[in-house]
Protein backbone atom coordinates (compact mmCIF):
# COMPACT_ATOMS: atom_id res chain seq x y z
CA UNK A 1 -137.61 -2.23 -26.11
CA UNK A 2 -135.62 -4.82 -28.67
CA UNK A 3 -134.90 -4.87 -32.47
CA UNK A 4 -133.72 -7.53 -33.44
CA UNK A 5 -131.07 -7.04 -36.45
CA UNK A 6 -128.74 -9.09 -39.11
CA UNK A 7 -125.11 -8.50 -39.35
CA UNK A 8 -123.17 -10.20 -42.32
CA UNK A 9 -119.21 -10.62 -42.17
CA UNK A 10 -117.50 -10.58 -45.68
CA UNK A 11 -114.39 -10.32 -47.31
CA UNK A 12 -113.83 -7.52 -49.95
CA UNK A 13 -111.20 -7.88 -53.04
CA UNK A 14 -110.93 -11.90 -52.12
CA UNK A 15 -110.53 -14.68 -53.79
CA UNK A 16 -110.25 -16.76 -50.95
CA UNK A 17 -112.03 -16.46 -47.26
CA UNK A 18 -108.63 -15.74 -45.84
CA UNK A 19 -108.01 -12.77 -48.21
CA UNK A 20 -109.10 -9.58 -49.05
CA UNK A 21 -110.33 -6.89 -46.24
CA UNK A 22 -112.91 -8.15 -43.81
CA UNK A 23 -115.28 -6.37 -42.90
CA UNK A 24 -119.16 -6.51 -41.22
CA UNK A 25 -122.51 -4.86 -42.77
CA UNK A 26 -124.77 -4.52 -40.02
CA UNK A 27 -128.47 -4.07 -41.84
CA UNK A 28 -130.63 -1.90 -39.02
CA UNK A 29 -134.12 -2.07 -38.59
CA UNK A 30 -134.30 1.32 -37.39
CA UNK A 31 -131.50 4.29 -36.33
CA UNK A 32 -130.03 3.99 -32.93
CA UNK A 33 -128.11 6.70 -31.43
CA UNK A 34 -124.38 7.14 -32.15
CA UNK A 35 -123.16 5.94 -29.18
CA UNK A 36 -125.41 2.53 -29.59
CA UNK A 37 -123.56 2.26 -33.01
CA UNK A 38 -120.05 2.64 -31.58
CA UNK A 39 -120.60 -0.10 -28.81
CA UNK A 40 -122.17 -2.14 -31.67
CA UNK A 41 -119.37 -1.42 -33.67
CA UNK A 42 -116.95 -2.60 -31.05
CA UNK A 43 -119.04 -5.88 -30.48
CA UNK A 44 -118.77 -7.08 -34.11
CA UNK A 45 -115.89 -9.14 -35.48
CA UNK A 46 -114.69 -6.41 -37.92
CA UNK A 47 -112.24 -3.07 -37.50
CA UNK A 48 -114.90 -1.28 -39.29
CA UNK A 49 -118.54 -1.92 -39.74
CA UNK A 50 -121.27 -0.72 -41.95
CA UNK A 51 -124.06 0.36 -40.88
CA UNK A 52 -126.87 -0.23 -43.44
CA UNK A 53 -130.45 1.17 -43.12
CA UNK A 54 -133.16 1.55 -45.59
CA UNK A 55 -136.28 3.88 -44.96
CA UNK A 56 -139.53 3.66 -45.94
CA UNK A 57 -139.33 5.51 -49.06
CA UNK A 58 -136.61 3.37 -50.06
CA UNK A 59 -133.91 5.58 -49.47
CA UNK A 60 -130.47 3.76 -48.89
CA UNK A 61 -128.17 5.20 -45.82
CA UNK A 62 -124.63 4.43 -44.97
CA UNK A 63 -122.47 4.91 -42.02
CA UNK A 64 -119.54 3.49 -40.97
CA UNK A 65 -117.70 3.19 -37.62
CA UNK A 66 -114.33 2.35 -36.62
CA UNK A 67 -113.01 2.04 -32.81
CA UNK A 68 -112.42 5.24 -32.25
CA UNK A 69 -115.97 6.73 -33.73
CA UNK A 70 -117.70 7.45 -37.01
CA UNK A 71 -115.50 7.09 -40.29
CA UNK A 72 -116.67 9.63 -43.23
CA UNK A 73 -115.64 6.99 -45.79
CA UNK A 74 -115.11 3.50 -46.28
CA UNK A 75 -114.95 2.24 -49.92
CA UNK A 76 -114.48 -1.74 -48.87
CA UNK A 77 -117.50 -1.67 -46.80
CA UNK A 78 -119.41 0.16 -49.63
CA UNK A 79 -118.85 -2.49 -51.74
CA UNK A 80 -119.86 -5.05 -49.10
CA UNK A 81 -122.98 -3.04 -48.76
CA UNK A 82 -123.77 -3.22 -52.25
CA UNK A 83 -123.13 -7.07 -52.29
CA UNK A 84 -125.55 -7.63 -49.01
CA UNK A 85 -128.25 -5.25 -51.04
CA UNK A 86 -127.87 -7.61 -54.21
CA UNK A 87 -128.74 -10.65 -52.11
CA UNK A 88 -131.20 -9.20 -49.71
CA UNK A 89 -132.99 -6.37 -51.12
CA UNK A 90 -135.72 -6.37 -53.79
CA UNK A 91 -134.60 -4.21 -56.47
CA UNK A 92 -130.86 -2.99 -56.22
CA UNK A 93 -130.93 0.51 -55.40
CA UNK A 94 -128.25 2.93 -57.94
CA UNK A 95 -127.61 5.45 -55.10
CA UNK A 96 -126.95 5.46 -51.64
CA UNK A 97 -126.25 8.72 -49.32
CA UNK A 98 -123.23 7.90 -47.52
CA UNK A 99 -121.58 9.12 -44.23
CA UNK A 100 -121.73 11.89 -41.39
CA UNK A 101 -122.30 14.60 -44.39
CA UNK A 102 -124.67 12.41 -46.67
CA UNK A 103 -122.40 12.30 -49.71
CA UNK A 104 -124.17 10.75 -52.72
CA UNK A 105 -122.64 7.34 -53.63
CA UNK A 106 -123.71 5.68 -57.07
CA UNK A 107 -123.82 1.83 -56.67
CA UNK A 108 -124.33 -0.56 -59.36
CA UNK A 109 -124.41 -4.69 -59.77
CA UNK A 110 -125.42 -4.58 -63.09
CA UNK A 111 -122.09 -6.78 -64.61
CA UNK A 112 -122.01 -9.38 -61.49
CA UNK A 113 -119.28 -7.37 -59.17
CA UNK A 114 -120.13 -4.89 -56.71
CA UNK A 115 -119.40 -1.30 -58.05
CA UNK A 116 -119.19 2.11 -56.36
CA UNK A 117 -118.85 5.32 -58.52
CA UNK A 118 -117.36 8.07 -56.20
CA UNK A 119 -116.59 11.52 -57.03
CA UNK A 120 -113.15 12.66 -58.48
CA UNK A 121 -110.36 13.62 -55.52
CA UNK A 122 -108.94 16.91 -55.36
CA UNK A 123 -105.23 17.41 -54.50
CA UNK A 124 -103.57 20.24 -53.46
CA UNK A 125 -99.78 20.02 -53.27
CA UNK A 126 -97.39 20.76 -49.61
CA UNK A 127 -94.01 21.13 -49.30
CA UNK A 128 -92.62 17.58 -48.85
CA UNK A 129 -90.84 17.96 -45.37
CA UNK A 130 -94.24 20.06 -43.89
CA UNK A 131 -95.36 16.26 -42.69
CA UNK A 132 -93.28 13.86 -40.82
CA UNK A 133 -93.58 10.53 -41.28
CA UNK A 134 -89.99 9.29 -40.95
CA UNK A 135 -89.17 8.84 -44.45
CA UNK A 136 -88.41 10.78 -47.55
CA UNK A 137 -91.13 12.06 -49.30
CA UNK A 138 -90.70 13.06 -53.04
CA UNK A 139 -94.24 14.78 -53.09
CA UNK A 140 -96.76 15.48 -50.53
CA UNK A 141 -100.61 16.25 -51.45
CA UNK A 142 -103.73 17.41 -49.22
CA UNK A 143 -106.48 14.77 -50.39
CA UNK A 144 -109.05 16.06 -48.27
CA UNK A 145 -109.74 13.31 -45.52
CA UNK A 146 -105.71 12.14 -46.08
CA UNK A 147 -102.61 13.21 -47.02
CA UNK A 148 -101.08 11.27 -50.17
CA UNK A 149 -97.26 10.98 -50.23
CA UNK A 150 -95.34 10.01 -52.94
CA UNK A 151 -92.16 7.88 -52.57
CA UNK A 152 -89.44 6.75 -54.74
CA UNK A 153 -89.99 3.29 -55.52
CA UNK A 154 -91.87 0.25 -54.61
CA UNK A 155 -88.57 -1.55 -52.59
CA UNK A 156 -89.00 1.70 -50.60
CA UNK A 157 -92.78 1.80 -49.82
CA UNK A 158 -92.47 -2.03 -48.71
CA UNK A 159 -89.87 -1.30 -46.37
CA UNK A 160 -91.63 1.41 -44.66
CA UNK A 161 -91.65 0.92 -41.11
CA UNK A 162 -94.54 3.19 -39.44
CA UNK A 163 -93.77 5.77 -36.91
CA UNK A 164 -97.00 5.75 -35.13
CA UNK A 165 -96.59 8.48 -33.10
CA UNK A 166 -96.07 10.56 -36.20
CA UNK A 167 -98.86 9.40 -38.05
CA UNK A 168 -101.19 10.73 -34.97
CA UNK A 169 -100.02 13.86 -35.29
CA UNK A 170 -100.44 14.28 -39.28
CA UNK A 171 -103.63 16.40 -38.83
CA UNK A 172 -105.61 13.91 -41.15
CA UNK A 173 -107.49 10.81 -40.62
CA UNK A 174 -104.90 8.40 -43.03
CA UNK A 175 -102.01 8.89 -44.80
CA UNK A 176 -101.87 6.98 -48.78
CA UNK A 177 -98.07 6.06 -49.26
CA UNK A 178 -97.45 5.31 -53.27
CA UNK A 179 -94.83 4.79 -55.50
CA UNK A 180 -94.27 3.36 -58.82
CA UNK A 181 -94.95 -0.41 -59.55
CA UNK A 182 -93.49 -3.42 -61.01
CA UNK A 183 -97.11 -4.20 -62.00
CA UNK A 184 -99.99 -1.90 -62.44
CA UNK A 185 -100.14 1.79 -62.48
CA UNK A 186 -98.68 2.34 -59.21
CA UNK A 187 -98.30 0.83 -55.92
CA UNK A 188 -99.46 1.89 -52.42
CA UNK A 189 -99.94 1.26 -48.46
CA UNK A 190 -103.17 3.13 -46.53
CA UNK A 191 -102.44 3.78 -42.54
CA UNK A 192 -105.50 4.88 -40.47
CA UNK A 193 -104.27 5.02 -36.91
CA UNK A 194 -106.03 7.52 -35.94
CA UNK A 195 -109.68 5.90 -36.60
CA UNK A 196 -108.20 3.10 -35.04
CA UNK A 197 -107.09 1.24 -38.38
CA UNK A 198 -103.14 0.47 -38.04
CA UNK A 199 -102.52 -0.34 -41.71
CA UNK A 200 -105.85 -1.46 -43.83
CA UNK A 201 -105.49 -4.39 -46.18
CA UNK A 202 -107.53 -3.33 -49.23
CA UNK A 203 -108.35 -0.27 -49.60
CA UNK A 204 -111.42 1.36 -51.91
CA UNK A 205 -111.78 4.90 -50.71
CA UNK A 206 -107.95 5.81 -51.43
CA UNK A 207 -108.22 5.38 -55.50
CA UNK A 208 -110.00 8.44 -56.17
CA UNK A 209 -106.67 10.14 -54.94
CA UNK A 210 -104.65 7.71 -56.60
CA UNK A 211 -106.05 7.90 -60.26
CA UNK A 212 -105.84 12.08 -59.90
CA UNK A 213 -101.66 11.80 -59.56
CA UNK A 214 -101.09 8.65 -61.51
CA UNK A 215 -103.53 8.21 -64.35
CA UNK A 216 -102.45 10.80 -67.57
CA UNK A 217 -104.96 12.83 -69.01
CA UNK A 218 -106.38 10.29 -71.31
CA UNK A 219 -106.18 7.54 -69.01
CA UNK A 220 -109.44 5.88 -67.95
CA UNK A 221 -108.87 2.80 -66.41
CA UNK A 222 -105.65 0.98 -64.40
CA UNK A 223 -104.39 -1.30 -61.72
CA UNK A 224 -103.20 -0.24 -58.43
CA UNK A 225 -101.31 -2.89 -55.91
CA UNK A 226 -101.90 -2.47 -52.38
CA UNK A 227 -98.81 -4.22 -51.26
CA UNK A 228 -100.28 -4.34 -47.40
CA UNK A 229 -99.31 -7.93 -47.05
CA UNK A 230 -101.32 -9.35 -49.54
CA UNK A 231 -100.78 -7.63 -52.89
CA UNK A 232 -104.31 -6.80 -53.87
CA UNK A 233 -104.82 -5.91 -56.72
CA UNK A 234 -107.53 -2.85 -57.16
CA UNK A 235 -108.83 -1.78 -60.91
CA UNK A 236 -110.15 1.67 -61.42
CA UNK A 237 -112.33 3.40 -63.86
CA UNK A 238 -113.34 6.42 -64.44
CA UNK A 239 -116.95 7.09 -65.77
CA UNK A 240 -118.00 10.72 -66.53
CA UNK A 241 -117.53 12.66 -63.01
CA UNK A 242 -117.08 9.19 -60.79
CA UNK A 243 -114.29 7.18 -60.35
CA UNK A 244 -115.63 3.20 -60.10
CA UNK A 245 -114.39 0.41 -58.41
CA UNK A 246 -115.42 -2.98 -58.25
CA UNK A 247 -114.73 -5.83 -56.23
CA UNK A 248 -115.37 -9.49 -55.37
CA UNK A 249 -117.21 -9.79 -51.93
CA UNK A 250 -117.17 -13.38 -50.18
CA UNK A 251 -119.56 -13.81 -47.18
CA UNK A 252 -118.19 -15.32 -44.45
CA UNK A 253 -120.90 -15.62 -41.63
CA UNK A 254 -124.20 -14.18 -40.70
CA UNK A 255 -125.47 -13.18 -37.30
CA UNK A 256 -127.86 -11.25 -35.74
CA UNK A 257 -127.66 -8.48 -32.93
CA UNK A 258 -129.97 -7.67 -30.67
CA UNK A 259 -130.23 -3.97 -29.63
CA UNK A 260 -131.89 -2.11 -26.15
CA UNK A 261 -132.31 1.43 -27.90
CA UNK A 262 -132.48 2.99 -24.30
CA UNK A 263 -128.98 2.01 -23.99
CA UNK A 264 -125.85 1.75 -25.32
CA UNK A 265 -124.65 -1.24 -23.35
CA UNK A 266 -127.22 -3.37 -23.41
CA UNK A 267 -126.26 -4.96 -27.10
CA UNK A 268 -126.05 -9.21 -27.40
CA UNK A 269 -124.32 -10.29 -30.48
CA UNK A 270 -125.14 -13.83 -31.81
CA UNK A 271 -123.42 -16.11 -34.69
CA UNK A 272 -126.14 -18.46 -37.23
């Protein structure tokens, strides 16, 4: 039995097609097995693939897969999915359940830009020398999925050359490396080699951790600069119990994929 589905390749936080963070949103007509989703993620043209499914009751379900398996969170993928739903669904949903634990995520497109609302981060400080990343760290925090490491200045941040073997041993999916910046609230880079993503170019999912550390008590909005080659500016806003992030999404190309639901290897991908 074959299911014919659609994929859309997008650039998120992009002013030009060659900029931002590329991702693929795959719209599913039903949920196949995780083995099929992983095989499909490997076949589609992106490091992370956002799988989007709307059930008969109208509920939106989003999951993300990379080269090494399922990802618990992918902010730029959620923004891309929001843009795709705005263009392709009747009635923009206000929420989705995401990831393997079905966490609620707020969605919005009312002001012309895809927007997601994430839960605030919890930071637990650790001894700065307890995780070896090949760089002196001023402060280190357990941020849940990732570690947040603060270094002295932007020059140190930009000059960092990752110790990939060390990053594979840190015990978290990723490392957020951050420093005070010349512009914006702070600068940062994000590394996730354990998920098959050596360095992400534009990362929305790390923003709640950065907001928790860098925002003052009265601060409700600010801009972070991700200096992973493009100096992508990401603006965050605190609204009640949410950290909201918006970003421009450009559609690059579309295609379809055919899945034989009985096997994880019989997959064909086509561009329009």
